[in-house]
Amino acid sequence: MAIKTIEQFRAEATSEIEAQKPMHGQSTDKGRYELSDADYEIRIEDLAQWNFDKQNNGYKSARLESYGSIGDQLDLLYHDMTAGKGDKTGEWYKAVKKVKDDNPKPS
């Protein structure tokens, strides 16, 4: 997957937000209102930044969700050490390698 720049994400966010117009907000003093140009710009920037961050850092949360608990990992390590497999043949190493392979860092 090609790495995108923040400018590319802004262009995509602009297209996405433009396709959703008119968008509305709600407030206690104004009630329901159509967003202003400034509100649209904020939404575009927020969406672009969110997607940019997801591209650059999303693998971290995906890995955290996939690793399993520390207790389970320590149990795998214990069994690997007991079996004399404290190397790349152990189940803990294989499990961690799979998570890293399935969720690579962007390059």
Protein backbone atom coordinates (compact mmCIF):
# COMPACT_ATOMS: atom_id res chain seq x y z
CA MET A 1 0.00 0.00 0.00
CA ALA A 2 1.38 3.39 -0.97
CA ILE A 3 1.90 5.93 1.79
CA LYS A 4 -0.23 9.04 1.30
CA THR A 5 0.64 12.59 2.27
CA ILE A 6 -1.56 14.76 4.46
CA GLU A 7 -2.37 16.78 1.34
CA GLN A 8 -3.74 13.66 -0.37
CA PHE A 9 -5.85 12.90 2.68
CA ARG A 10 -7.14 16.50 2.67
CA ALA A 11 -8.16 16.17 -0.99
CA GLU A 12 -9.99 12.90 -0.24
CA ALA A 13 -11.64 14.39 2.85
CA THR A 14 -12.75 17.43 0.86
CA SER A 15 -14.41 15.21 -1.75
CA GLU A 16 -16.09 13.12 0.93
CA ILE A 17 -17.41 16.11 2.87
CA GLU A 18 -18.52 17.91 -0.30
CA ALA A 19 -20.53 14.83 -1.29
CA GLN A 20 -22.36 14.94 2.07
CA LYS A 21 -23.44 18.59 1.83
CA PRO A 22 -25.56 20.05 3.18
CA MET A 23 -24.54 18.93 6.67
CA HIS A 24 -26.20 20.15 9.81
CA GLY A 25 -25.33 20.74 13.42
CA GLN A 26 -27.43 21.04 16.54
CA SER A 27 -27.05 23.48 19.41
CA THR A 28 -29.19 24.55 22.33
CA ASP A 29 -29.20 28.20 21.29
CA LYS A 30 -29.45 27.86 17.47
CA GLY A 31 -31.32 24.58 17.20
CA ARG A 32 -30.65 22.73 13.95
CA TYR A 33 -28.47 24.69 11.54
CA GLU A 34 -26.46 24.15 8.38
CA LEU A 35 -22.72 24.11 8.94
CA SER A 36 -20.75 27.22 8.03
CA ASP A 37 -17.77 27.22 5.68
CA ALA A 38 -15.50 27.28 8.75
CA ASP A 39 -17.33 24.24 10.19
CA TYR A 40 -16.82 22.36 6.91
CA GLU A 41 -13.11 23.22 6.93
CA ILE A 42 -12.79 21.89 10.47
CA ARG A 43 -14.53 18.64 9.51
CA ILE A 44 -12.27 18.25 6.46
CA GLU A 45 -9.11 18.82 8.51
CA ASP A 46 -10.28 16.48 11.29
CA LEU A 47 -11.07 13.70 8.81
CA ALA A 48 -7.77 14.16 6.96
CA GLN A 49 -5.76 14.13 10.20
CA TRP A 50 -7.64 11.07 11.50
CA ASN A 51 -6.95 9.11 8.30
CA PHE A 52 -3.32 10.28 8.21
CA ASP A 53 -2.80 9.14 11.81
CA LYS A 54 -4.57 5.84 11.13
CA GLN A 55 -2.25 5.20 8.17
CA ASN A 56 0.89 5.97 10.17
CA ASN A 57 -0.07 4.52 13.55
CA GLY A 58 -3.03 2.19 13.01
CA TYR A 59 -0.77 -0.86 13.05
CA LYS A 60 0.00 -0.18 16.72
CA SER A 61 -3.58 -0.56 17.92
CA ALA A 62 -4.13 -3.51 15.58
CA ARG A 63 -1.10 -5.24 17.10
CA LEU A 64 -2.21 -4.49 20.66
CA GLU A 65 -5.62 -6.05 19.95
CA SER A 66 -4.00 -9.12 18.37
CA TYR A 67 -1.24 -9.91 20.87
CA GLY A 68 -3.45 -11.26 23.62
CA SER A 69 -2.96 -10.66 27.32
CA ILE A 70 0.45 -10.44 28.96
CA GLY A 71 -0.53 -13.42 31.09
CA ASP A 72 -1.20 -15.55 28.01
CA GLN A 73 2.09 -14.44 26.45
CA LEU A 74 4.01 -15.27 29.63
CA ASP A 75 2.34 -18.67 29.72
CA LEU A 76 3.47 -19.32 26.14
CA LEU A 77 7.00 -18.24 27.08
CA TYR A 78 6.99 -20.50 30.14
CA HIS A 79 5.95 -23.52 28.09
CA ASP A 80 8.50 -22.69 25.38
CA MET A 81 11.29 -22.39 27.97
CA THR A 82 10.23 -25.63 29.65
CA ALA A 83 10.32 -27.37 26.25
CA GLY A 84 13.74 -25.86 25.44
CA LYS A 85 12.24 -23.68 22.70
CA GLY A 86 13.33 -20.21 23.77
CA ASP A 87 14.22 -19.48 20.17
CA LYS A 88 12.41 -18.98 16.86
CA THR A 89 10.88 -22.47 17.07
CA GLY A 90 8.80 -21.56 20.14
CA GLU A 91 5.07 -20.86 20.06
CA TRP A 92 5.47 -17.41 21.64
CA TYR A 93 7.88 -16.31 18.89
CA LYS A 94 5.58 -17.70 16.19
CA ALA A 95 2.55 -15.91 17.68
CA VAL A 96 4.35 -12.56 17.93
CA LYS A 97 5.79 -12.93 14.41
CA LYS A 98 2.31 -13.61 13.01
CA VAL A 99 0.91 -10.46 14.66
CA LYS A 100 3.78 -8.37 13.29
CA ASP A 101 3.47 -9.91 9.81
CA ASP A 102 -0.31 -9.39 9.78
CA ASN A 103 0.04 -5.75 10.96
CA PRO A 104 3.23 -4.35 9.39
CA LYS A 105 4.61 -0.89 10.04
CA PRO A 106 4.05 1.43 7.09
CA SER A 107 7.19 1.83 5.05
